[in-house]
Structures are given as structure tokens and as C-alpha cells.
């Protein structure tokens, strides 16, 4: 992420961001299709994938609403063969633009090739990973819609990864948690921009172990938005 208004999904280490993408994409909609029960439109997906996206987005919005983040503006989701960050030129799996409230996400047909060299994400079923990307990027957009506070980027990512982890089935979530030797000994200081940038899969696991504590959960989101706490102070 290079500035406050565009959030690229940090699922791949820099070396993996340049993986060549190849493979078929089925017949897709040329015009945006509005999801039936939420204010989100989808473009570039066939009917089955559109239904999958709308269902995943609706579940994510429900979870986000419980965590004090409510949709206030329309959102568009574009499904593309590849997603390229507008300022770095690097490949991302997904990208949220907080100015025009849009999401770009890599088509599932191309995700497996993009994460093939990643020992963690390559173990997660493509459908699970794809829907979790939607939840991650929706979180960034709803933060921008809900609060006027300019949150620290690490706090932004804490919330996005918490929702991404929440959206995963238990078996897929466990793939990420298996990176942590002792699930009871996670120091909140380990949730920092160093880990975020150099091992985002481990950052996601640390976030979940903090977020899922009984005293945290959605209350932790409110504390971050109220600036009562921050994960923006690096601790190694």
C-alpha cells in the first residue's frame, strides 16, 4: 500500500507479485450486475461467479455491520485476469480504491497460479481465498465510509485481515494459524508493519489470535476507530 486511498491486498510476498498469470476465463458480463439484496454491483464475472460474489459480500457486510462498519455508499466490484497496483505497477490479488469505492479482484481462474509458490496460501481452496479477498477489501472501503479518522495503515490492515480471517471456513483459517507455534503466546506488539510487509500470512494469523480474544472482537475495531489504541507503533 503506497497511500491512504488505495489498499492492495497484501497476500503475496514481493517476489510472488510478479508471477505470470495464465488460464481461461469463462463468459462474463459486459455490464455491471447489481446484487439482489445489497448495494454492490459486479462486473467481469459469469452468472455463477456473480452469485458467489454477491453471497460472500452480503455475509461480509453483515459481519462488518456487527463490527461498527456500515455501508453508506454504493460499491462496485470488477473481476479481472490480473490486478495491478496503480502506483507501484505490481500485481495484487485484489485492490480497494477508497476514492471511487471500487474493488478490483483477480478472477478465481488465475488465483491458483498466482499463489502457487506461497507455502501457506497455496494450501487454501481457491473459492475460500477468493471470497476472503472480497471481505478484506470491503473492510477497507467501509472504514473509509464510516470514519473520518485517517487511521494508521497497520490499523486499517488489522481490521481487513480480521474480517478476511473471519470469512474463511475453519479448515482454511487453520492453515494460517498453523504458522504459529504457540497460539496462547502471541504478543500484540507482533502485529506491526514489519510483519505485515514481510510475512503477511503470519500477520493475518497474529491478527486473528488477537481479534478472537473474548475481550476484543468488534470492540477492538471501535477502539481503533476511536484512536484509543493503535498497532502502528513498531515493536520487534
Protein backbone atom coordinates (compact mmCIF):
# COMPACT_ATOMS: atom_id res chain seq x y z
CA UNK A 1 0.00 0.00 0.00
CA UNK A 2 1.50 3.31 -1.03
CA UNK A 3 -1.08 5.89 0.03
CA UNK A 4 -4.15 6.22 2.17
CA UNK A 5 -6.72 5.90 -0.58
CA UNK A 6 -5.73 2.72 -2.38
CA UNK A 7 -5.38 -0.55 -0.49
CA UNK A 8 -3.83 -3.54 -2.23
CA UNK A 9 -4.36 -6.95 -0.69
CA UNK A 10 -1.07 -7.94 0.93
CA UNK A 11 -1.43 -11.65 0.35
CA UNK A 12 1.73 -12.23 -1.65
CA UNK A 13 5.35 -11.61 -0.77
CA UNK A 14 7.01 -9.16 -3.21
CA UNK A 15 8.74 -11.96 -5.10
CA UNK A 16 5.41 -13.61 -5.75
CA UNK A 17 3.68 -10.49 -7.01
CA UNK A 18 5.33 -10.86 -10.40
CA UNK A 19 4.07 -14.38 -11.12
CA UNK A 20 2.79 -14.60 -14.70
CA UNK A 21 -0.94 -15.24 -14.87
CA UNK A 22 -2.43 -17.57 -17.42
CA UNK A 23 -5.59 -19.60 -17.90
CA UNK A 24 -9.16 -19.43 -19.17
CA UNK A 25 -11.89 -17.10 -18.03
CA UNK A 26 -15.48 -18.04 -18.84
CA UNK A 27 -18.11 -15.84 -20.46
CA UNK A 28 -18.55 -12.73 -18.33
CA UNK A 29 -20.99 -9.85 -18.01
CA UNK A 30 -20.07 -6.77 -20.05
CA UNK A 31 -22.31 -4.55 -17.94
CA UNK A 32 -22.35 -4.31 -14.14
CA UNK A 33 -24.85 -6.59 -12.43
CA UNK A 34 -26.44 -5.33 -9.21
CA UNK A 35 -26.51 -7.80 -6.35
CA UNK A 36 -30.12 -8.58 -5.42
CA UNK A 37 -30.13 -7.50 -1.76
CA UNK A 38 -27.10 -5.22 -1.28
CA UNK A 39 -25.85 -2.03 -2.92
CA UNK A 40 -22.95 -3.70 -4.70
CA UNK A 41 -22.50 -4.22 -8.44
CA UNK A 42 -20.32 -6.86 -10.09
CA UNK A 43 -18.64 -6.70 -13.48
CA UNK A 44 -16.49 -9.22 -15.34
CA UNK A 45 -17.98 -12.38 -13.85
CA UNK A 46 -20.34 -15.01 -15.22
CA UNK A 47 -23.68 -15.65 -13.52
CA UNK A 48 -22.40 -18.34 -11.15
CA UNK A 49 -19.42 -16.29 -10.02
CA UNK A 50 -21.57 -13.17 -9.65
CA UNK A 51 -23.89 -15.11 -7.34
CA UNK A 52 -20.87 -16.31 -5.37
CA UNK A 53 -19.51 -12.77 -5.04
CA UNK A 54 -22.87 -11.32 -4.01
CA UNK A 55 -23.37 -14.01 -1.40
CA UNK A 56 -19.89 -13.56 0.03
CA UNK A 57 -20.23 -9.78 0.01
CA UNK A 58 -23.57 -9.93 1.80
CA UNK A 59 -22.13 -12.14 4.52
CA UNK A 60 -19.17 -9.79 4.86
CA UNK A 61 -21.40 -6.72 5.12
CA UNK A 62 -23.42 -8.39 7.87
CA UNK A 63 -20.25 -9.16 9.82
CA UNK A 64 -18.91 -5.65 9.25
CA UNK A 65 -22.16 -4.07 10.43
CA UNK A 66 -21.80 -6.02 13.68
CA UNK A 67 -18.31 -4.51 13.98
CA UNK A 68 -19.46 -0.88 13.71
CA UNK A 69 -18.75 -0.59 9.96
CA UNK A 70 -21.88 0.07 7.89
CA UNK A 71 -22.13 0.57 4.14
CA UNK A 72 -23.18 4.13 3.27
CA UNK A 73 -22.23 4.34 -0.43
CA UNK A 74 -22.57 2.05 -3.47
CA UNK A 75 -19.62 -0.24 -4.17
CA UNK A 76 -18.51 -1.76 -7.46
CA UNK A 77 -16.51 -4.97 -7.81
CA UNK A 78 -14.59 -5.73 -11.02
CA UNK A 79 -13.26 -9.24 -11.66
CA UNK A 80 -10.11 -9.16 -13.79
CA UNK A 81 -7.49 -11.57 -15.14
CA UNK A 82 -4.91 -9.56 -13.23
CA UNK A 83 -4.92 -6.66 -10.79
CA UNK A 84 -2.10 -4.13 -10.99
CA UNK A 85 -1.44 -1.52 -8.31
CA UNK A 86 -1.79 1.93 -9.93
CA UNK A 87 1.26 3.45 -8.27
CA UNK A 88 3.69 0.54 -7.84
CA UNK A 89 2.80 -1.36 -11.02
CA UNK A 90 2.94 -4.61 -9.06
CA UNK A 91 0.45 -7.46 -9.29
CA UNK A 92 -2.01 -7.78 -6.39
CA UNK A 93 -4.68 -10.37 -5.77
CA UNK A 94 -7.16 -7.58 -5.01
CA UNK A 95 -7.31 -3.82 -4.62
CA UNK A 96 -9.69 -1.36 -2.94
CA UNK A 97 -9.98 2.24 -4.10
CA UNK A 98 -11.40 4.40 -1.31
CA UNK A 99 -11.95 7.39 -3.63
CA UNK A 100 -14.40 5.80 -6.05
CA UNK A 101 -15.46 2.99 -3.67
CA UNK A 102 -14.44 0.19 -6.01
CA UNK A 103 -12.75 -3.17 -5.72
CA UNK A 104 -10.66 -4.99 -8.29
CA UNK A 105 -10.18 -8.70 -7.64
CA UNK A 106 -8.33 -11.41 -9.54
CA UNK A 107 -10.58 -13.95 -11.27
CA UNK A 108 -10.51 -17.32 -9.48
CA UNK A 109 -9.14 -18.98 -12.64
CA UNK A 110 -5.89 -17.06 -12.12
CA UNK A 111 -5.51 -17.20 -8.33
CA UNK A 112 -4.02 -20.70 -8.08
CA UNK A 113 -1.13 -19.77 -10.40
CA UNK A 114 -0.51 -16.52 -8.50
CA UNK A 115 -0.17 -18.26 -5.11
CA UNK A 116 1.45 -21.50 -6.31
CA UNK A 117 4.82 -20.63 -4.76
CA UNK A 118 3.32 -19.44 -1.47
CA UNK A 119 3.51 -22.33 1.03
CA UNK A 120 0.53 -21.02 3.02
CA UNK A 121 -1.99 -19.64 0.55
CA UNK A 122 -1.43 -22.46 -1.93
CA UNK A 123 -2.98 -24.81 0.66
CA UNK A 124 -6.27 -22.86 0.79
CA UNK A 125 -9.02 -23.75 -1.69
CA UNK A 126 -9.34 -21.08 -4.38
CA UNK A 127 -13.03 -20.42 -3.65
CA UNK A 128 -12.30 -19.80 0.04
CA UNK A 129 -9.40 -17.49 -0.74
CA UNK A 130 -11.36 -15.59 -3.40
CA UNK A 131 -14.30 -14.83 -1.09
CA UNK A 132 -11.91 -13.84 1.69
CA UNK A 133 -10.36 -11.26 -0.64
CA UNK A 134 -13.81 -9.69 -1.08
CA UNK A 135 -14.22 -9.47 2.70
CA UNK A 136 -10.75 -7.94 3.09
CA UNK A 137 -11.28 -5.19 0.52
CA UNK A 138 -14.85 -4.43 1.60
CA UNK A 139 -13.46 -3.74 5.05
CA UNK A 140 -11.11 -1.08 3.71
CA UNK A 141 -13.98 0.63 1.88
CA UNK A 142 -16.35 0.56 4.84
CA UNK A 143 -13.68 2.01 7.11
CA UNK A 144 -13.45 4.94 4.70
CA UNK A 145 -17.25 5.25 4.60
CA UNK A 146 -17.70 5.01 8.37
CA UNK A 147 -14.97 7.09 9.96
CA UNK A 148 -13.42 10.42 9.05
CA UNK A 149 -10.30 9.49 11.03
CA UNK A 150 -7.19 8.87 8.97
CA UNK A 151 -6.28 5.54 10.52
CA UNK A 152 -2.75 4.23 10.60
CA UNK A 153 -2.25 1.80 7.67
CA UNK A 154 -1.42 -1.07 10.05
CA UNK A 155 -4.70 -0.48 11.91
CA UNK A 156 -6.52 -0.48 8.55
CA UNK A 157 -4.93 -3.82 7.73
CA UNK A 158 -5.67 -5.25 11.18
CA UNK A 159 -9.38 -4.72 10.56
CA UNK A 160 -9.23 -6.01 6.98
CA UNK A 161 -7.34 -9.17 7.92
CA UNK A 162 -9.64 -9.79 10.89
CA UNK A 163 -12.63 -9.80 8.54
CA UNK A 164 -10.76 -11.87 5.97
CA UNK A 165 -9.88 -14.49 8.57
CA UNK A 166 -13.44 -14.43 9.89
CA UNK A 167 -14.80 -15.13 6.40
CA UNK A 168 -12.68 -18.26 5.95
CA UNK A 169 -14.03 -21.71 6.83
CA UNK A 170 -12.37 -23.15 9.93
CA UNK A 171 -10.15 -25.55 7.98
CA UNK A 172 -8.79 -22.79 5.75
CA UNK A 173 -8.29 -20.46 8.70
CA UNK A 174 -6.32 -23.20 10.45
CA UNK A 175 -3.85 -23.26 7.56
CA UNK A 176 -2.80 -19.75 8.55
CA UNK A 177 -2.86 -20.45 12.28
CA UNK A 178 -0.54 -23.43 11.79
CA UNK A 179 2.26 -20.90 11.23
CA UNK A 180 2.15 -20.01 14.94
CA UNK A 181 3.91 -22.43 17.29
CA UNK A 182 2.15 -21.36 20.48
CA UNK A 183 -1.36 -19.98 19.93
CA UNK A 184 -1.51 -18.70 23.52
CA UNK A 185 1.71 -16.66 23.45
CA UNK A 186 1.07 -14.03 20.79
CA UNK A 187 2.31 -10.59 21.81
CA UNK A 188 0.17 -7.69 20.46
CA UNK A 189 3.48 -5.99 19.61
CA UNK A 190 3.96 -8.59 16.88
CA UNK A 191 1.07 -7.01 14.98
CA UNK A 192 3.16 -4.39 13.22
CA UNK A 193 4.04 -3.08 9.78
CA UNK A 194 7.29 -5.07 9.65
CA UNK A 195 5.44 -8.40 9.87
CA UNK A 196 2.67 -7.04 7.62
CA UNK A 197 5.10 -6.20 4.84
CA UNK A 198 7.47 -9.15 5.07
CA UNK A 199 5.19 -12.04 6.08
CA UNK A 200 1.52 -11.04 5.64
CA UNK A 201 0.26 -14.57 6.21
CA UNK A 202 1.79 -14.51 9.69
CA UNK A 203 0.36 -11.02 10.26
CA UNK A 204 -3.09 -12.44 9.43
CA UNK A 205 -2.64 -15.22 11.98
CA UNK A 206 -1.49 -12.81 14.69
CA UNK A 207 -4.44 -10.53 13.95
CA UNK A 208 -6.92 -13.37 14.29
CA UNK A 209 -5.46 -14.56 17.59
CA UNK A 210 -5.80 -11.02 18.96
CA UNK A 211 -9.20 -10.24 17.41
CA UNK A 212 -10.76 -13.53 18.52
CA UNK A 213 -9.99 -12.98 22.20
CA UNK A 214 -13.23 -12.54 24.19
CA UNK A 215 -12.32 -9.01 25.30
CA UNK A 216 -11.54 -7.86 21.76
CA UNK A 217 -13.60 -8.78 18.69
CA UNK A 218 -15.68 -5.93 17.34
CA UNK A 219 -14.87 -3.83 20.40
CA UNK A 220 -11.29 -3.76 19.12
CA UNK A 221 -12.50 -2.16 15.88
CA UNK A 222 -14.22 0.59 17.86
CA UNK A 223 -11.09 1.21 19.92
CA UNK A 224 -9.05 1.57 16.72
CA UNK A 225 -11.54 3.97 15.14
CA UNK A 226 -11.73 6.00 18.35
CA UNK A 227 -7.89 6.15 18.45
CA UNK A 228 -7.84 4.54 21.90
CA UNK A 229 -5.27 2.04 20.65
CA UNK A 230 -3.06 1.59 17.60
CA UNK A 231 -0.91 -1.15 16.11
CA UNK A 232 1.07 1.46 14.20
CA UNK A 233 3.91 1.58 16.71
CA UNK A 234 6.54 -0.93 15.57
CA UNK A 235 7.71 -3.46 18.12
CA UNK A 236 10.26 -6.13 17.10
